[in-house]
Amino acid sequence: QVQLVESGGGLVQTGGSLRLSCAASGSPFSIAAMGWYRQALGKERELVALITGGGIISYADSVKGRFTISRDNAKNTVYLQMKSLKPEDTAVYYCNSVDGTGHVSGWGQGSQVTVSS
């Protein structure tokens, strides 16, 4: 079992930046990949960015060029740097971890990101 604790988020104006952090504990060495998802009010949760243990990264088309996912293995922490934020980026952001069998091993508690116009 992996415990994920998020930090960051908040309120920012259009065009601003925020950074989310997600620290893993418990069984961090079992993590094969970590991702960031978001869920806007009334919408389904969607994948925003993903990073594997081997450093393979993928992004949703809607955030490419604006968001950057990174991972600090020494700190068992994954980050999501968000720039040029838009009102449509407003959502609750969740990090998750996936083990070597492809199963989700943990979810963060969620971080509210609100972008004002």
C-alpha atoms as a PDB file:
ATOM      1  CA  GLN A   1       0.000   0.000   0.000  1.00  0.00           C
ATOM      2  CA  VAL A   2       1.265   3.433  -0.930  1.00  0.00           C
ATOM      3  CA  GLN A   3       0.277   6.622   0.822  1.00  0.00           C
ATOM      4  CA  LEU A   4       0.288   9.776  -1.264  1.00  0.00           C
ATOM      5  CA  VAL A   5       0.139  13.253   0.246  1.00  0.00           C
ATOM      6  CA  GLU A   6      -0.382  16.238  -2.003  1.00  0.00           C
ATOM      7  CA  SER A   7       0.535  19.842  -1.434  1.00  0.00           C
ATOM      8  CA  GLY A   8       0.283  23.023  -3.459  1.00  0.00           C
ATOM      9  CA  GLY A   9      -2.697  24.222  -5.388  1.00  0.00           C
ATOM     10  CA  GLY A  10      -4.780  27.273  -4.652  1.00  0.00           C
ATOM     11  CA  LEU A  11      -6.208  30.278  -6.446  1.00  0.00           C
ATOM     12  CA  VAL A  12      -4.385  31.972  -9.305  1.00  0.00           C
ATOM     13  CA  GLN A  13      -5.272  34.391 -12.077  1.00  0.00           C
ATOM     14  CA  THR A  14      -5.340  33.453 -15.745  1.00  0.00           C
ATOM     15  CA  GLY A  15      -1.801  33.153 -17.034  1.00  0.00           C
ATOM     16  CA  GLY A  16      -0.381  32.383 -13.616  1.00  0.00           C
ATOM     17  CA  SER A  17       1.583  29.409 -12.372  1.00  0.00           C
ATOM     18  CA  LEU A  18       1.256  26.814  -9.629  1.00  0.00           C
ATOM     19  CA  ARG A  19       3.157  23.735  -8.598  1.00  0.00           C
ATOM     20  CA  LEU A  20       1.657  20.621  -7.107  1.00  0.00           C
ATOM     21  CA  SER A  21       3.672  18.094  -5.140  1.00  0.00           C
ATOM     22  CA  CYS A  22       2.849  14.502  -4.291  1.00  0.00           C
ATOM     23  CA  ALA A  23       4.977  12.668  -1.741  1.00  0.00           C
ATOM     24  CA  ALA A  24       4.827   8.885  -1.567  1.00  0.00           C
ATOM     25  CA  SER A  25       5.403   6.733   1.503  1.00  0.00           C
ATOM     26  CA  GLY A  26       4.677   3.196   2.570  1.00  0.00           C
ATOM     27  CA  SER A  27       5.987   1.149  -0.320  1.00  0.00           C
ATOM     28  CA  PRO A  28       7.440   3.727  -2.707  1.00  0.00           C
ATOM     29  CA  PHE A  29       9.776   1.211  -4.307  1.00  0.00           C
ATOM     30  CA  SER A  30       6.764  -0.676  -5.634  1.00  0.00           C
ATOM     31  CA  ILE A  31       5.744   2.318  -7.754  1.00  0.00           C
ATOM     32  CA  ALA A  32       6.179   1.850 -11.491  1.00  0.00           C
ATOM     33  CA  ALA A  33       4.519   5.064 -12.578  1.00  0.00           C
ATOM     34  CA  MET A  34       2.882   8.122 -11.118  1.00  0.00           C
ATOM     35  CA  GLY A  35       0.308  10.344 -12.639  1.00  0.00           C
ATOM     36  CA  TRP A  36      -1.712  13.475 -12.155  1.00  0.00           C
ATOM     37  CA  TYR A  37      -5.439  13.486 -12.835  1.00  0.00           C
ATOM     38  CA  ARG A  38      -8.013  16.223 -12.518  1.00  0.00           C
ATOM     39  CA  GLN A  39     -11.741  16.359 -12.096  1.00  0.00           C
ATOM     40  CA  ALA A  40     -13.693  19.484 -12.834  1.00  0.00           C
ATOM     41  CA  LEU A  41     -17.130  20.024 -11.364  1.00  0.00           C
ATOM     42  CA  GLY A  42     -19.649  17.874 -13.186  1.00  0.00           C
ATOM     43  CA  LYS A  43     -17.032  16.158 -15.322  1.00  0.00           C
ATOM     44  CA  GLU A  44     -15.225  12.847 -15.252  1.00  0.00           C
ATOM     45  CA  ARG A  45     -11.735  12.491 -13.893  1.00  0.00           C
ATOM     46  CA  GLU A  46      -9.147  12.780 -16.656  1.00  0.00           C
ATOM     47  CA  LEU A  47      -5.468  12.005 -16.944  1.00  0.00           C
ATOM     48  CA  VAL A  48      -3.302  15.115 -17.103  1.00  0.00           C
ATOM     49  CA  ALA A  49       0.245  13.754 -17.051  1.00  0.00           C
ATOM     50  CA  LEU A  50       2.082  10.531 -16.398  1.00  0.00           C
ATOM     51  CA  ILE A  51       5.696   9.642 -15.645  1.00  0.00           C
ATOM     52  CA  THR A  52       7.129   6.149 -15.425  1.00  0.00           C
ATOM     53  CA  GLY A  53      10.067   4.954 -13.378  1.00  0.00           C
ATOM     54  CA  GLY A  54      12.065   4.863 -16.598  1.00  0.00           C
ATOM     55  CA  GLY A  55      11.321   8.519 -17.262  1.00  0.00           C
ATOM     56  CA  ILE A  56       8.723   8.092 -20.007  1.00  0.00           C
ATOM     57  CA  ILE A  57       6.351  11.049 -19.886  1.00  0.00           C
ATOM     58  CA  SER A  58       3.015  11.713 -21.498  1.00  0.00           C
ATOM     59  CA  TYR A  59       0.581  14.623 -21.320  1.00  0.00           C
ATOM     60  CA  ALA A  60      -3.011  15.294 -22.195  1.00  0.00           C
ATOM     61  CA  ASP A  61      -3.233  17.406 -25.340  1.00  0.00           C
ATOM     62  CA  SER A  62      -4.938  20.167 -23.388  1.00  0.00           C
ATOM     63  CA  VAL A  63      -1.881  20.775 -21.188  1.00  0.00           C
ATOM     64  CA  LYS A  64       1.019  20.076 -23.545  1.00  0.00           C
ATOM     65  CA  GLY A  65       3.502  22.926 -23.542  1.00  0.00           C
ATOM     66  CA  ARG A  66       2.066  24.383 -20.337  1.00  0.00           C
ATOM     67  CA  PHE A  67       2.408  21.651 -17.709  1.00  0.00           C
ATOM     68  CA  THR A  68       5.533  19.742 -16.734  1.00  0.00           C
ATOM     69  CA  ILE A  69       5.611  16.565 -14.693  1.00  0.00           C
ATOM     70  CA  SER A  70       8.806  15.605 -12.926  1.00  0.00           C
ATOM     71  CA  ARG A  71       9.942  13.131 -10.341  1.00  0.00           C
ATOM     72  CA  ASP A  72      12.505  13.268  -7.532  1.00  0.00           C
ATOM     73  CA  ASN A  73      13.293   9.648  -6.753  1.00  0.00           C
ATOM     74  CA  ALA A  74      15.395  10.556  -3.721  1.00  0.00           C
ATOM     75  CA  LYS A  75      12.390  12.266  -2.150  1.00  0.00           C
ATOM     76  CA  ASN A  76       9.778   9.832  -3.553  1.00  0.00           C
ATOM     77  CA  THR A  77       7.957  12.886  -4.818  1.00  0.00           C
ATOM     78  CA  VAL A  78       6.345  13.783  -8.120  1.00  0.00           C
ATOM     79  CA  TYR A  79       5.630  17.349  -9.167  1.00  0.00           C
ATOM     80  CA  LEU A  80       3.305  19.037 -11.595  1.00  0.00           C
ATOM     81  CA  GLN A  81       4.451  22.480 -12.651  1.00  0.00           C
ATOM     82  CA  MET A  82       1.573  24.344 -14.249  1.00  0.00           C
ATOM     83  CA  LYS A  83       2.122  27.510 -16.267  1.00  0.00           C
ATOM     84  CA  SER A  84      -0.074  29.725 -18.422  1.00  0.00           C
ATOM     85  CA  LEU A  85      -3.074  28.529 -16.461  1.00  0.00           C
ATOM     86  CA  LYS A  86      -6.533  28.955 -17.927  1.00  0.00           C
ATOM     87  CA  PRO A  87      -9.960  29.008 -16.279  1.00  0.00           C
ATOM     88  CA  GLU A  88     -10.656  25.614 -17.856  1.00  0.00           C
ATOM     89  CA  ASP A  89      -7.786  24.181 -15.796  1.00  0.00           C
ATOM     90  CA  THR A  90      -9.900  24.718 -12.692  1.00  0.00           C
ATOM     91  CA  ALA A  91     -10.411  21.338 -11.053  1.00  0.00           C
ATOM     92  CA  VAL A  92      -9.447  19.120  -8.166  1.00  0.00           C
ATOM     93  CA  TYR A  93      -6.112  17.550  -9.003  1.00  0.00           C
ATOM     94  CA  TYR A  94      -5.199  14.075  -7.785  1.00  0.00           C
ATOM     95  CA  CYS A  95      -1.947  12.181  -7.980  1.00  0.00           C
ATOM     96  CA  ASN A  96      -1.867   8.423  -8.166  1.00  0.00           C
ATOM     97  CA  SER A  97       0.622   5.609  -8.261  1.00  0.00           C
ATOM     98  CA  VAL A  98       0.645   2.438 -10.303  1.00  0.00           C
ATOM     99  CA  ASP A  99       2.536  -0.708  -9.398  1.00  0.00           C
ATOM    100  CA  GLY A 100       4.451  -3.039 -11.659  1.00  0.00           C
ATOM    101  CA  THR A 101       1.324  -5.063 -12.481  1.00  0.00           C
ATOM    102  CA  GLY A 102      -0.518  -1.983 -13.681  1.00  0.00           C
ATOM    103  CA  HIS A 103      -2.778  -1.699 -10.679  1.00  0.00           C
ATOM    104  CA  VAL A 104      -3.404   1.598  -8.948  1.00  0.00           C
ATOM    105  CA  SER A 105      -1.711   1.438  -5.577  1.00  0.00           C
ATOM    106  CA  GLY A 106      -2.714   4.796  -4.152  1.00  0.00           C
ATOM    107  CA  TRP A 107      -4.446   8.144  -4.618  1.00  0.00           C
ATOM    108  CA  GLY A 108      -3.643  11.510  -3.155  1.00  0.00           C
ATOM    109  CA  GLN A 109      -6.254  13.428  -1.193  1.00  0.00           C
ATOM    110  CA  GLY A 110      -6.872  15.956  -3.965  1.00  0.00           C
ATOM    111  CA  SER A 111      -5.811  19.576  -4.374  1.00  0.00           C
ATOM    112  CA  GLN A 112      -8.117  22.330  -5.531  1.00  0.00           C
ATOM    113  CA  VAL A 113      -6.764  24.483  -8.331  1.00  0.00           C
ATOM    114  CA  THR A 114      -8.877  27.499  -9.227  1.00  0.00           C
ATOM    115  CA  VAL A 115      -7.984  29.805 -12.089  1.00  0.00           C
ATOM    116  CA  SER A 116      -9.853  33.089 -12.146  1.00  0.00           C
ATOM    117  CA  SER A 117     -10.550  34.959 -15.354  1.00  0.00           C
END
